[in-house]
């Protein structure tokens, strides 16, 4: 998938239980790395832990500086253990509702930042 600056993916839409990224529709929750989208079997913020983020962390943790979590219709803070584990990896964390997470991710991609997003699908 290509889209956005220098092949980076941009979120073009959300809602209806999924996301549109770089012209492709993705049903359900997703993980977005700067160069690819992965399905994510998370349906609620309470399910987010290190194991849930493992595909993202394994794929690009050394190259990322920031992780955005779109926690659904409203912002829900992740557990302290998860925040600390991400800090220990040198990864910044921002948690917000889906609309803000999508806008912020696109801005970060336009700025060529090393960011990823973990987004919970909303209706």
PDB file of N, CA and C in Angstrom:
ATOM      1  N   UNK A   1       0.829  -1.187   0.000  1.00  0.00           N
ATOM      2  CA  UNK A   1       0.000   0.000   0.000  1.00  0.00           C
ATOM      3  C   UNK A   1       0.867   1.240   0.000  1.00  0.00           C
ATOM      4  N   UNK A   2       0.523   2.136  -0.822  1.00  0.00           N
ATOM      5  CA  UNK A   2       1.255   3.391  -0.869  1.00  0.00           C
ATOM      6  C   UNK A   2       0.279   4.538  -0.668  1.00  0.00           C
ATOM      7  N   UNK A   3       0.752   5.644  -0.207  1.00  0.00           N
ATOM      8  CA  UNK A   3      -0.079   6.824  -0.024  1.00  0.00           C
ATOM      9  C   UNK A   3       0.648   7.801   0.863  1.00  0.00           C
ATOM     10  N   UNK A   4       0.270   9.052   0.789  1.00  0.00           N
ATOM     11  CA  UNK A   4       0.897  10.044   1.643  1.00  0.00           C
ATOM     12  C   UNK A   4       2.300  10.370   1.209  1.00  0.00           C
ATOM     13  N   UNK A   5       2.984  11.168   2.024  1.00  0.00           N
ATOM     14  CA  UNK A   5       4.334  11.583   1.684  1.00  0.00           C
ATOM     15  C   UNK A   5       5.309  10.412   1.648  1.00  0.00           C
ATOM     16  N   UNK A   6       6.074  10.340   0.578  1.00  0.00           N
ATOM     17  CA  UNK A   6       7.115   9.320   0.412  1.00  0.00           C
ATOM     18  C   UNK A   6       6.611   7.928   0.753  1.00  0.00           C
ATOM     19  N   UNK A   7       5.412   7.589   0.287  1.00  0.00           N
ATOM     20  CA  UNK A   7       4.882   6.257   0.493  1.00  0.00           C
ATOM     21  C   UNK A   7       4.282   6.004   1.860  1.00  0.00           C
ATOM     22  N   UNK A   8       4.241   6.998   2.722  1.00  0.00           N
ATOM     23  CA  UNK A   8       3.643   6.801   4.043  1.00  0.00           C
ATOM     24  C   UNK A   8       2.131   6.744   3.930  1.00  0.00           C
ATOM     25  N   UNK A   9       1.535   5.987   4.791  1.00  0.00           N
ATOM     26  CA  UNK A   9       0.098   5.770   4.762  1.00  0.00           C
ATOM     27  C   UNK A   9      -0.644   6.885   5.483  1.00  0.00           C
ATOM     28  N   UNK A  10      -1.747   7.330   4.896  1.00  0.00           N
ATOM     29  CA  UNK A  10      -2.596   8.333   5.523  1.00  0.00           C
ATOM     30  C   UNK A  10      -3.978   7.739   5.746  1.00  0.00           C
ATOM     31  N   UNK A  11      -4.593   8.102   6.854  1.00  0.00           N
ATOM     32  CA  UNK A  11      -5.942   7.656   7.179  1.00  0.00           C
ATOM     33  C   UNK A  11      -6.915   8.594   6.476  1.00  0.00           C
ATOM     34  N   UNK A  12      -7.737   8.028   5.621  1.00  0.00           N
ATOM     35  CA  UNK A  12      -8.670   8.830   4.828  1.00  0.00           C
ATOM     36  C   UNK A  12     -10.088   8.797   5.373  1.00  0.00           C
ATOM     37  N   UNK A  13     -10.376   7.862   6.273  1.00  0.00           N
ATOM     38  CA  UNK A  13     -11.707   7.783   6.849  1.00  0.00           C
ATOM     39  C   UNK A  13     -11.760   6.772   7.974  1.00  0.00           C
ATOM     40  N   UNK A  14     -12.787   6.895   8.813  1.00  0.00           N
ATOM     41  CA  UNK A  14     -12.993   5.953   9.911  1.00  0.00           C
ATOM     42  C   UNK A  14     -14.485   5.915  10.224  1.00  0.00           C
ATOM     43  N   UNK A  15     -14.882   4.865  10.916  1.00  0.00           N
ATOM     44  CA  UNK A  15     -16.279   4.683  11.282  1.00  0.00           C
ATOM     45  C   UNK A  15     -16.847   3.468  10.582  1.00  0.00           C
ATOM     46  N   UNK A  16     -18.067   3.126  10.923  1.00  0.00           N
ATOM     47  CA  UNK A  16     -18.688   1.948  10.324  1.00  0.00           C
ATOM     48  C   UNK A  16     -17.939   0.667  10.628  1.00  0.00           C
ATOM     49  N   UNK A  17     -17.211   0.657  11.753  1.00  0.00           N
ATOM     50  CA  UNK A  17     -16.491  -0.550  12.146  1.00  0.00           C
ATOM     51  C   UNK A  17     -15.166  -0.766  11.451  1.00  0.00           C
ATOM     52  N   UNK A  18     -14.577   0.296  10.891  1.00  0.00           N
ATOM     53  CA  UNK A  18     -13.284   0.137  10.238  1.00  0.00           C
ATOM     54  C   UNK A  18     -12.656   1.449   9.839  1.00  0.00           C
ATOM     55  N   UNK A  19     -11.679   1.352   8.951  1.00  0.00           N
ATOM     56  CA  UNK A  19     -10.883   2.504   8.551  1.00  0.00           C
ATOM     57  C   UNK A  19     -10.600   2.442   7.061  1.00  0.00           C
ATOM     58  N   UNK A  20     -10.391   3.590   6.454  1.00  0.00           N
ATOM     59  CA  UNK A  20      -9.884   3.655   5.092  1.00  0.00           C
ATOM     60  C   UNK A  20      -8.489   4.260   5.173  1.00  0.00           C
ATOM     61  N   UNK A  21      -7.524   3.508   4.684  1.00  0.00           N
ATOM     62  CA  UNK A  21      -6.127   3.932   4.729  1.00  0.00           C
ATOM     63  C   UNK A  21      -5.546   3.788   3.329  1.00  0.00           C
ATOM     64  N   UNK A  22      -5.041   4.876   2.796  1.00  0.00           N
ATOM     65  CA  UNK A  22      -4.404   4.882   1.468  1.00  0.00           C
ATOM     66  C   UNK A  22      -5.295   4.225   0.418  1.00  0.00           C
ATOM     67  N   UNK A  23      -6.580   4.532   0.466  1.00  0.00           N
ATOM     68  CA  UNK A  23      -7.501   4.038  -0.541  1.00  0.00           C
ATOM     69  C   UNK A  23      -8.042   2.641  -0.317  1.00  0.00           C
ATOM     70  N   UNK A  24      -7.626   1.971   0.738  1.00  0.00           N
ATOM     71  CA  UNK A  24      -8.089   0.610   1.019  1.00  0.00           C
ATOM     72  C   UNK A  24      -8.925   0.592   2.299  1.00  0.00           C
ATOM     73  N   UNK A  25     -10.025  -0.112   2.255  1.00  0.00           N
ATOM     74  CA  UNK A  25     -10.899  -0.253   3.421  1.00  0.00           C
ATOM     75  C   UNK A  25     -10.418  -1.416   4.279  1.00  0.00           C
ATOM     76  N   UNK A  26     -10.337  -1.186   5.595  1.00  0.00           N
ATOM     77  CA  UNK A  26      -9.931  -2.207   6.561  1.00  0.00           C
ATOM     78  C   UNK A  26     -11.038  -2.335   7.592  1.00  0.00           C
ATOM     79  N   UNK A  27     -11.678  -3.492   7.650  1.00  0.00           N
ATOM     80  CA  UNK A  27     -12.701  -3.733   8.647  1.00  0.00           C
ATOM     81  C   UNK A  27     -12.066  -4.051   9.985  1.00  0.00           C
ATOM     82  N   UNK A  28     -12.635  -3.540  11.055  1.00  0.00           N
ATOM     83  CA  UNK A  28     -12.132  -3.821  12.397  1.00  0.00           C
ATOM     84  C   UNK A  28     -10.995  -2.892  12.796  1.00  0.00           C
ATOM     85  N   UNK A  29     -10.435  -3.183  13.941  1.00  0.00           N
ATOM     86  CA  UNK A  29      -9.321  -2.407  14.487  1.00  0.00           C
ATOM     87  C   UNK A  29      -8.041  -2.715  13.713  1.00  0.00           C
ATOM     88  N   UNK A  30      -7.116  -1.742  13.711  1.00  0.00           N
ATOM     89  CA  UNK A  30      -5.885  -1.900  12.922  1.00  0.00           C
ATOM     90  C   UNK A  30      -4.673  -1.338  13.648  1.00  0.00           C
ATOM     91  N   UNK A  31      -3.524  -1.833  13.257  1.00  0.00           N
ATOM     92  CA  UNK A  31      -2.227  -1.255  13.616  1.00  0.00           C
ATOM     93  C   UNK A  31      -1.668  -0.646  12.339  1.00  0.00           C
ATOM     94  N   UNK A  32      -1.201   0.594  12.420  1.00  0.00           N
ATOM     95  CA  UNK A  32      -0.608   1.229  11.247  1.00  0.00           C
ATOM     96  C   UNK A  32       0.842   1.570  11.549  1.00  0.00           C
ATOM     97  N   UNK A  33       1.717   1.005  10.749  1.00  0.00           N
ATOM     98  CA  UNK A  33       3.127   1.363  10.755  1.00  0.00           C
ATOM     99  C   UNK A  33       3.319   2.358   9.621  1.00  0.00           C
ATOM    100  N   UNK A  34       4.431   3.053   9.565  1.00  0.00           N
ATOM    101  CA  UNK A  34       4.607   4.022   8.473  1.00  0.00           C
ATOM    102  C   UNK A  34       4.468   3.420   7.073  1.00  0.00           C
ATOM    103  N   UNK A  35       4.670   2.101   6.946  1.00  0.00           N
ATOM    104  CA  UNK A  35       4.657   1.491   5.607  1.00  0.00           C
ATOM    105  C   UNK A  35       3.637   0.372   5.403  1.00  0.00           C
ATOM    106  N   UNK A  36       2.830   0.024   6.427  1.00  0.00           N
ATOM    107  CA  UNK A  36       1.847  -1.045   6.249  1.00  0.00           C
ATOM    108  C   UNK A  36       0.763  -0.999   7.331  1.00  0.00           C
ATOM    109  N   UNK A  37      -0.341  -1.672   7.011  1.00  0.00           N
ATOM    110  CA  UNK A  37      -1.474  -1.777   7.925  1.00  0.00           C
ATOM    111  C   UNK A  37      -1.646  -3.247   8.300  1.00  0.00           C
ATOM    112  N   UNK A  38      -1.827  -3.502   9.589  1.00  0.00           N
ATOM    113  CA  UNK A  38      -2.030  -4.861  10.076  1.00  0.00           C
ATOM    114  C   UNK A  38      -3.389  -4.956  10.768  1.00  0.00           C
ATOM    115  N   UNK A  39      -4.116  -6.062  10.604  1.00  0.00           N
ATOM    116  CA  UNK A  39      -5.353  -6.233  11.358  1.00  0.00           C
ATOM    117  C   UNK A  39      -5.014  -6.373  12.847  1.00  0.00           C
ATOM    118  N   UNK A  40      -5.943  -5.931  13.696  1.00  0.00           N
ATOM    119  CA  UNK A  40      -5.695  -5.942  15.142  1.00  0.00           C
ATOM    120  C   UNK A  40      -6.960  -6.432  15.829  1.00  0.00           C
ATOM    121  N   UNK A  41      -6.940  -7.571  16.496  1.00  0.00           N
ATOM    122  CA  UNK A  41      -8.159  -8.167  17.042  1.00  0.00           C
ATOM    123  C   UNK A  41      -8.629  -7.549  18.367  1.00  0.00           C
ATOM    124  N   UNK A  42      -8.450  -6.258  18.529  1.00  0.00           N
ATOM    125  CA  UNK A  42      -8.838  -5.566  19.765  1.00  0.00           C
ATOM    126  C   UNK A  42     -10.157  -4.837  19.519  1.00  0.00           C
ATOM    127  N   UNK A  43     -11.081  -4.950  20.462  1.00  0.00           N
ATOM    128  CA  UNK A  43     -12.377  -4.284  20.313  1.00  0.00           C
ATOM    129  C   UNK A  43     -12.666  -3.276  21.416  1.00  0.00           C
ATOM    130  N   UNK A  44     -11.817  -3.254  22.465  1.00  0.00           N
ATOM    131  CA  UNK A  44     -12.032  -2.319  23.583  1.00  0.00           C
ATOM    132  C   UNK A  44     -10.687  -1.939  24.188  1.00  0.00           C
ATOM    133  N   UNK A  45     -10.614  -0.725  24.714  1.00  0.00           N
ATOM    134  CA  UNK A  45      -9.369  -0.223  25.296  1.00  0.00           C
ATOM    135  C   UNK A  45      -8.854  -1.113  26.426  1.00  0.00           C
ATOM    136  N   UNK A  46      -9.743  -1.740  27.154  1.00  0.00           N
ATOM    137  CA  UNK A  46      -9.332  -2.603  28.269  1.00  0.00           C
ATOM    138  C   UNK A  46      -8.512  -3.802  27.797  1.00  0.00           C
ATOM    139  N   UNK A  47      -8.569  -4.138  26.527  1.00  0.00           N
ATOM    140  CA  UNK A  47      -7.822  -5.273  25.967  1.00  0.00           C
ATOM    141  C   UNK A  47      -6.388  -4.916  25.589  1.00  0.00           C
ATOM    142  N   UNK A  48      -6.030  -3.648  25.630  1.00  0.00           N
ATOM    143  CA  UNK A  48      -4.702  -3.235  25.167  1.00  0.00           C
ATOM    144  C   UNK A  48      -3.667  -3.498  26.258  1.00  0.00           C
ATOM    145  N   UNK A  49      -2.702  -4.335  25.905  1.00  0.00           N
ATOM    146  CA  UNK A  49      -1.563  -4.607  26.777  1.00  0.00           C
ATOM    147  C   UNK A  49      -0.355  -4.868  25.877  1.00  0.00           C
ATOM    148  N   UNK A  50       0.767  -5.241  26.478  1.00  0.00           N
ATOM    149  CA  UNK A  50       1.966  -5.471  25.674  1.00  0.00           C
ATOM    150  C   UNK A  50       1.759  -6.569  24.639  1.00  0.00           C
ATOM    151  N   UNK A  51       1.046  -7.623  25.014  1.00  0.00           N
ATOM    152  CA  UNK A  51       0.809  -8.714  24.066  1.00  0.00           C
ATOM    153  C   UNK A  51      -0.001  -8.223  22.870  1.00  0.00           C
ATOM    154  N   UNK A  52      -0.983  -7.375  23.103  1.00  0.00           N
ATOM    155  CA  UNK A  52      -1.806  -6.842  22.016  1.00  0.00           C
ATOM    156  C   UNK A  52      -0.993  -5.971  21.068  1.00  0.00           C
ATOM    157  N   UNK A  53       0.036  -5.320  21.592  1.00  0.00           N
ATOM    158  CA  UNK A  53       0.876  -4.437  20.773  1.00  0.00           C
ATOM    159  C   UNK A  53       2.109  -5.139  20.212  1.00  0.00           C
ATOM    160  N   UNK A  54       2.294  -6.411  20.543  1.00  0.00           N
ATOM    161  CA  UNK A  54       3.487  -7.149  20.132  1.00  0.00           C
ATOM    162  C   UNK A  54       3.756  -7.079  18.627  1.00  0.00           C
ATOM    163  N   UNK A  55       2.753  -7.259  17.746  1.00  0.00           N
ATOM    164  CA  UNK A  55       3.065  -7.185  16.307  1.00  0.00           C
ATOM    165  C   UNK A  55       3.680  -5.845  15.914  1.00  0.00           C
ATOM    166  N   UNK A  56       3.199  -4.786  16.496  1.00  0.00           N
ATOM    167  CA  UNK A  56       3.720  -3.456  16.200  1.00  0.00           C
ATOM    168  C   UNK A  56       5.125  -3.297  16.784  1.00  0.00           C
ATOM    169  N   UNK A  57       5.289  -3.692  18.027  1.00  0.00           N
ATOM    170  CA  UNK A  57       6.585  -3.536  18.684  1.00  0.00           C
ATOM    171  C   UNK A  57       7.650  -4.400  18.028  1.00  0.00           C
ATOM    172  N   UNK A  58       7.303  -5.625  17.662  1.00  0.00           N
ATOM    173  CA  UNK A  58       8.269  -6.511  17.010  1.00  0.00           C
ATOM    174  C   UNK A  58       8.661  -5.993  15.628  1.00  0.00           C
ATOM    175  N   UNK A  59       7.698  -5.416  14.928  1.00  0.00           N
ATOM    176  CA  UNK A  59       7.936  -4.982  13.555  1.00  0.00           C
ATOM    177  C   UNK A  59       8.788  -3.734  13.453  1.00  0.00           C
ATOM    178  N   UNK A  60       8.645  -2.815  14.416  1.00  0.00           N
ATOM    179  CA  UNK A  60       9.293  -1.527  14.181  1.00  0.00           C
ATOM    180  C   UNK A  60       9.698  -0.745  15.421  1.00  0.00           C
ATOM    181  N   UNK A  61       9.732  -1.363  16.573  1.00  0.00           N
ATOM    182  CA  UNK A  61      10.002  -0.605  17.787  1.00  0.00           C
ATOM    183  C   UNK A  61      11.305   0.182  17.728  1.00  0.00           C
ATOM    184  N   UNK A  62      12.326  -0.395  17.158  1.00  0.00           N
ATOM    185  CA  UNK A  62      13.615   0.298  17.118  1.00  0.00           C
ATOM    186  C   UNK A  62      13.574   1.531  16.230  1.00  0.00           C
ATOM    187  N   UNK A  63      12.634   1.557  15.283  1.00  0.00           N
ATOM    188  CA  UNK A  63      12.573   2.668  14.342  1.00  0.00           C
ATOM    189  C   UNK A  63      11.525   3.709  14.713  1.00  0.00           C
ATOM    190  N   UNK A  64      10.696   3.426  15.710  1.00  0.00           N
ATOM    191  CA  UNK A  64       9.603   4.331  16.060  1.00  0.00           C
ATOM    192  C   UNK A  64       9.965   5.240  17.218  1.00  0.00           C
ATOM    193  N   UNK A  65       9.390   6.435  17.193  1.00  0.00           N
ATOM    194  CA  UNK A  65       9.569   7.352  18.321  1.00  0.00           C
ATOM    195  C   UNK A  65       8.264   7.592  19.069  1.00  0.00           C
ATOM    196  N   UNK A  66       7.119   7.316  18.401  1.00  0.00           N
ATOM    197  CA  UNK A  66       5.832   7.613  19.011  1.00  0.00           C
ATOM    198  C   UNK A  66       4.778   6.602  18.590  1.00  0.00           C
ATOM    199  N   UNK A  67       3.965   6.199  19.557  1.00  0.00           N
ATOM    200  CA  UNK A  67       2.812   5.353  19.298  1.00  0.00           C
ATOM    201  C   UNK A  67       1.561   6.122  19.685  1.00  0.00           C
ATOM    202  N   UNK A  68       0.628   6.217  18.754  1.00  0.00           N
ATOM    203  CA  UNK A  68      -0.681   6.798  19.036  1.00  0.00           C
ATOM    204  C   UNK A  68      -1.653   5.654  19.249  1.00  0.00           C
ATOM    205  N   UNK A  69      -2.411   5.718  20.314  1.00  0.00           N
ATOM    206  CA  UNK A  69      -3.481   4.754  20.515  1.00  0.00           C
ATOM    207  C   UNK A  69      -4.797   5.496  20.382  1.00  0.00           C
ATOM    208  N   UNK A  70      -5.592   5.081  19.426  1.00  0.00           N
ATOM    209  CA  UNK A  70      -6.954   5.568  19.282  1.00  0.00           C
ATOM    210  C   UNK A  70      -7.831   4.603  20.042  1.00  0.00           C
ATOM    211  N   UNK A  71      -8.271   5.010  21.236  1.00  0.00           N
ATOM    212  CA  UNK A  71      -8.912   4.089  22.171  1.00  0.00           C
ATOM    213  C   UNK A  71     -10.414   3.941  21.969  1.00  0.00           C
ATOM    214  N   UNK A  72     -10.917   4.335  20.818  1.00  0.00           N
ATOM    215  CA  UNK A  72     -12.335   4.193  20.539  1.00  0.00           C
ATOM    216  C   UNK A  72     -13.028   5.541  20.480  1.00  0.00           C
ATOM    217  N   UNK A  73     -14.293   5.562  20.871  1.00  0.00           N
ATOM    218  CA  UNK A  73     -15.086   6.789  20.792  1.00  0.00           C
ATOM    219  C   UNK A  73     -14.619   7.858  21.782  1.00  0.00           C
ATOM    220  N   UNK A  74     -13.939   7.434  22.830  1.00  0.00           N
ATOM    221  CA  UNK A  74     -13.396   8.406  23.791  1.00  0.00           C
ATOM    222  C   UNK A  74     -12.018   7.953  24.261  1.00  0.00           C
ATOM    223  N   UNK A  75     -11.272   8.877  24.803  1.00  0.00           N
ATOM    224  CA  UNK A  75      -9.921   8.580  25.267  1.00  0.00           C
ATOM    225  C   UNK A  75      -9.970   7.777  26.572  1.00  0.00           C
ATOM    226  N   UNK A  76      -9.224   6.677  26.607  1.00  0.00           N
ATOM    227  CA  UNK A  76      -9.134   5.826  27.792  1.00  0.00           C
ATOM    228  C   UNK A  76      -7.662   5.570  28.052  1.00  0.00           C
ATOM    229  N   UNK A  77      -7.186   5.971  29.206  1.00  0.00           N
ATOM    230  CA  UNK A  77      -5.764   5.816  29.535  1.00  0.00           C
ATOM    231  C   UNK A  77      -5.392   4.339  29.684  1.00  0.00           C
ATOM    232  N   UNK A  78      -4.255   3.946  29.119  1.00  0.00           N
ATOM    233  CA  UNK A  78      -3.795   2.561  29.278  1.00  0.00           C
ATOM    234  C   UNK A  78      -3.213   2.354  30.683  1.00  0.00           C
ATOM    235  N   UNK A  79      -3.076   1.108  31.095  1.00  0.00           N
ATOM    236  CA  UNK A  79      -2.508   0.829  32.420  1.00  0.00           C
ATOM    237  C   UNK A  79      -1.084   1.377  32.557  1.00  0.00           C
ATOM    238  N   UNK A  80      -0.726   1.704  33.773  1.00  0.00           N
ATOM    239  CA  UNK A  80       0.609   2.249  34.063  1.00  0.00           C
ATOM    240  C   UNK A  80       1.718   1.302  33.598  1.00  0.00           C
ATOM    241  N   UNK A  81       1.493  -0.021  33.724  1.00  0.00           N
ATOM    242  CA  UNK A  81       2.530  -0.988  33.319  1.00  0.00           C
ATOM    243  C   UNK A  81       2.820  -0.886  31.826  1.00  0.00           C
ATOM    244  N   UNK A  82       1.792  -0.675  31.040  1.00  0.00           N
ATOM    245  CA  UNK A  82       1.987  -0.545  29.602  1.00  0.00           C
ATOM    246  C   UNK A  82       2.717   0.748  29.275  1.00  0.00           C
ATOM    247  N   UNK A  83       2.320   1.832  29.887  1.00  0.00           N
ATOM    248  CA  UNK A  83       3.011   3.114  29.653  1.00  0.00           C
ATOM    249  C   UNK A  83       4.489   2.991  30.002  1.00  0.00           C
ATOM    250  N   UNK A  84       4.792   2.338  31.132  1.00  0.00           N
ATOM    251  CA  UNK A  84       6.186   2.172  31.545  1.00  0.00           C
ATOM    252  C   UNK A  84       6.941   1.272  30.578  1.00  0.00           C
ATOM    253  N   UNK A  85       6.342   0.196  30.122  1.00  0.00           N
ATOM    254  CA  UNK A  85       7.006  -0.720  29.183  1.00  0.00           C
ATOM    255  C   UNK A  85       7.354   0.000  27.882  1.00  0.00           C
ATOM    256  N   UNK A  86       6.467   0.855  27.409  1.00  0.00           N
ATOM    257  CA  UNK A  86       6.747   1.613  26.188  1.00  0.00           C
ATOM    258  C   UNK A  86       7.858   2.634  26.427  1.00  0.00           C
ATOM    259  N   UNK A  87       7.815   3.293  27.577  1.00  0.00           N
ATOM    260  CA  UNK A  87       8.895   4.240  27.929  1.00  0.00           C
ATOM    261  C   UNK A  87      10.239   3.524  27.969  1.00  0.00           C
ATOM    262  N   UNK A  88      10.255   2.321  28.564  1.00  0.00           N
ATOM    263  CA  UNK A  88      11.493   1.540  28.658  1.00  0.00           C
ATOM    264  C   UNK A  88      12.057   1.205  27.279  1.00  0.00           C
ATOM    265  N   UNK A  89      11.200   1.136  26.271  1.00  0.00           N
ATOM    266  CA  UNK A  89      11.631   0.887  24.887  1.00  0.00           C
ATOM    267  C   UNK A  89      11.976   2.182  24.156  1.00  0.00           C
ATOM    268  N   UNK A  90      11.857   3.333  24.860  1.00  0.00           N
ATOM    269  CA  UNK A  90      12.144   4.614  24.235  1.00  0.00           C
ATOM    270  C   UNK A  90      11.029   5.093  23.324  1.00  0.00           C
ATOM    271  N   UNK A  91       9.831   4.577  23.534  1.00  0.00           N
ATOM    272  CA  UNK A  91       8.694   4.885  22.676  1.00  0.00           C
ATOM    273  C   UNK A  91       7.722   5.806  23.409  1.00  0.00           C
ATOM    274  N   UNK A  92       7.491   6.994  22.840  1.00  0.00           N
ATOM    275  CA  UNK A  92       6.500   7.901  23.394  1.00  0.00           C
ATOM    276  C   UNK A  92       5.106   7.365  23.143  1.00  0.00           C
ATOM    277  N   UNK A  93       4.157   7.774  23.965  1.00  0.00           N
ATOM    278  CA  UNK A  93       2.785   7.292  23.859  1.00  0.00           C
ATOM    279  C   UNK A  93       1.817   8.449  23.978  1.00  0.00           C
ATOM    280  N   UNK A  94       0.832   8.474  23.097  1.00  0.00           N
ATOM    281  CA  UNK A  94      -0.276   9.423  23.157  1.00  0.00           C
ATOM    282  C   UNK A  94      -1.545   8.622  22.976  1.00  0.00           C
ATOM    283  N   UNK A  95      -2.515   8.844  23.834  1.00  0.00           N
ATOM    284  CA  UNK A  95      -3.795   8.146  23.752  1.00  0.00           C
ATOM    285  C   UNK A  95      -4.889   9.174  23.566  1.00  0.00           C
ATOM    286  N   UNK A  96      -5.773   8.917  22.600  1.00  0.00           N
ATOM    287  CA  UNK A  96      -6.866   9.848  22.336  1.00  0.00           C
ATOM    288  C   UNK A  96      -8.000   9.110  21.659  1.00  0.00           C
ATOM    289  N   UNK A  97      -9.138   9.778  21.551  1.00  0.00           N
ATOM    290  CA  UNK A  97     -10.273   9.210  20.827  1.00  0.00           C
ATOM    291  C   UNK A  97      -9.905   9.086  19.346  1.00  0.00           C
ATOM    292  N   UNK A  98     -10.630   8.223  18.632  1.00  0.00           N
ATOM    293  CA  UNK A  98     -10.328   7.939  17.228  1.00  0.00           C
ATOM    294  C   UNK A  98     -10.236   9.184  16.338  1.00  0.00           C
ATOM    295  N   UNK A  99     -11.187  10.117  16.390  1.00  0.00           N
ATOM    296  CA  UNK A  99     -11.064  11.273  15.484  1.00  0.00           C
ATOM    297  C   UNK A  99      -9.737  12.028  15.665  1.00  0.00           C
ATOM    298  N   UNK A 100      -9.368  12.285  16.902  1.00  0.00           N
ATOM    299  CA  UNK A 100      -8.115  12.999  17.170  1.00  0.00           C
ATOM    300  C   UNK A 100      -6.904  12.147  16.797  1.00  0.00           C
ATOM    301  N   UNK A 101      -6.961  10.848  17.058  1.00  0.00           N
ATOM    302  CA  UNK A 101      -5.833   9.968  16.729  1.00  0.00           C
ATOM    303  C   UNK A 101      -5.593   9.926  15.219  1.00  0.00           C
ATOM    304  N   UNK A 102      -6.675   9.863  14.443  1.00  0.00           N
ATOM    305  CA  UNK A 102      -6.522   9.822  12.984  1.00  0.00           C
ATOM    306  C   UNK A 102      -5.929  11.126  12.457  1.00  0.00           C
ATOM    307  N   UNK A 103      -6.438  12.248  12.931  1.00  0.00           N
ATOM    308  CA  UNK A 103      -5.887  13.551  12.494  1.00  0.00           C
ATOM    309  C   UNK A 103      -4.422  13.676  12.890  1.00  0.00           C
ATOM    310  N   UNK A 104      -4.112  13.313  14.126  1.00  0.00           N
ATOM    311  CA  UNK A 104      -2.740  13.437  14.618  1.00  0.00           C
ATOM    312  C   UNK A 104      -1.788  12.525  13.853  1.00  0.00           C
ATOM    313  N   UNK A 105      -2.209  11.301  13.593  1.00  0.00           N
ATOM    314  CA  UNK A 105      -1.363  10.380  12.838  1.00  0.00           C
ATOM    315  C   UNK A 105      -1.041  10.954  11.458  1.00  0.00           C
ATOM    316  N   UNK A 106      -2.047  11.479  10.785  1.00  0.00           N
ATOM    317  CA  UNK A 106      -1.807  12.047   9.454  1.00  0.00           C
ATOM    318  C   UNK A 106      -0.837  13.216   9.511  1.00  0.00           C
ATOM    319  N   UNK A 107      -0.968  14.063  10.511  1.00  0.00           N
ATOM    320  CA  UNK A 107      -0.031  15.181  10.667  1.00  0.00           C
ATOM    321  C   UNK A 107       1.387  14.654  10.879  1.00  0.00           C
ATOM    322  N   UNK A 108       1.528  13.653  11.735  1.00  0.00           N
ATOM    323  CA  UNK A 108       2.852  13.074  11.983  1.00  0.00           C
ATOM    324  C   UNK A 108       3.451  12.480  10.709  1.00  0.00           C
ATOM    325  N   UNK A 109       2.623  11.838   9.895  1.00  0.00           N
ATOM    326  CA  UNK A 109       3.117  11.281   8.634  1.00  0.00           C
ATOM    327  C   UNK A 109       3.545  12.403   7.683  1.00  0.00           C
ATOM    328  N   UNK A 110       2.777  13.491   7.633  1.00  0.00           N
ATOM    329  CA  UNK A 110       3.132  14.624   6.767  1.00  0.00           C
ATOM    330  C   UNK A 110       4.447  15.267   7.218  1.00  0.00           C
ATOM    331  N   UNK A 111       4.728  15.179   8.518  1.00  0.00           N
ATOM    332  CA  UNK A 111       5.982  15.715   9.071  1.00  0.00           C
ATOM    333  C   UNK A 111       7.119  14.698   9.003  1.00  0.00           C
ATOM    334  N   UNK A 112       6.862  13.536   8.398  1.00  0.00           N
ATOM    335  CA  UNK A 112       7.869  12.475   8.252  1.00  0.00           C
ATOM    336  C   UNK A 112       8.372  11.970   9.603  1.00  0.00           C
ATOM    337  N   UNK A 113       7.483  11.917  10.574  1.00  0.00           N
ATOM    338  CA  UNK A 113       7.845  11.418  11.904  1.00  0.00           C
ATOM    339  C   UNK A 113       7.784   9.898  11.934  1.00  0.00           C
ATOM    340  N   UNK A 114       8.560   9.302  12.801  1.00  0.00           N
ATOM    341  CA  UNK A 114       8.584   7.848  12.969  1.00  0.00           C
ATOM    342  C   UNK A 114       7.507   7.464  13.973  1.00  0.00           C
ATOM    343  N   UNK A 115       6.274   7.333  13.482  1.00  0.00           N
ATOM    344  CA  UNK A 115       5.141   7.066  14.354  1.00  0.00           C
ATOM    345  C   UNK A 115       4.341   5.869  13.843  1.00  0.00           C
ATOM    346  N   UNK A 116       3.604   5.275  14.762  1.00  0.00           N
ATOM    347  CA  UNK A 116       2.672   4.198  14.442  1.00  0.00           C
ATOM    348  C   UNK A 116       1.380   4.464  15.190  1.00  0.00           C
ATOM    349  N   UNK A 117       0.320   3.788  14.768  1.00  0.00           N
ATOM    350  CA  UNK A 117      -0.968   3.952  15.433  1.00  0.00           C
ATOM    351  C   UNK A 117      -1.608   2.605  15.681  1.00  0.00           C
ATOM    352  N   UNK A 118      -2.259   2.500  16.836  1.00  0.00           N
ATOM    353  CA  UNK A 118      -3.069   1.345  17.197  1.00  0.00           C
ATOM    354  C   UNK A 118      -4.489   1.895  17.356  1.00  0.00           C
ATOM    355  N   UNK A 119      -5.371   1.517  16.445  1.00  0.00           N
ATOM    356  CA  UNK A 119      -6.692   2.161  16.366  1.00  0.00           C
ATOM    357  C   UNK A 119      -7.823   1.158  16.554  1.00  0.00           C
ATOM    358  N   UNK A 120      -8.690   1.433  17.539  1.00  0.00           N
ATOM    359  CA  UNK A 120      -9.857   0.607  17.794  1.00  0.00           C
ATOM    360  C   UNK A 120     -11.013   1.124  16.946  1.00  0.00           C
ATOM    361  N   UNK A 121     -11.599   0.235  16.164  1.00  0.00           N
ATOM    362  CA  UNK A 121     -12.688   0.601  15.262  1.00  0.00           C
ATOM    363  C   UNK A 121     -13.913   1.067  16.048  1.00  0.00           C
ATOM    364  N   UNK A 122     -14.598   2.068  15.482  1.00  0.00           N
ATOM    365  CA  UNK A 122     -15.851   2.562  16.048  1.00  0.00           C
ATOM    366  C   UNK A 122     -16.945   2.489  14.997  1.00  0.00           C
ATOM    367  N   UNK A 123     -18.186   2.544  15.449  1.00  0.00           N
ATOM    368  CA  UNK A 123     -19.329   2.492  14.520  1.00  0.00           C
ATOM    369  C   UNK A 123     -19.443   3.739  13.697  1.00  0.00           C
TER     370      UNK A 123
END
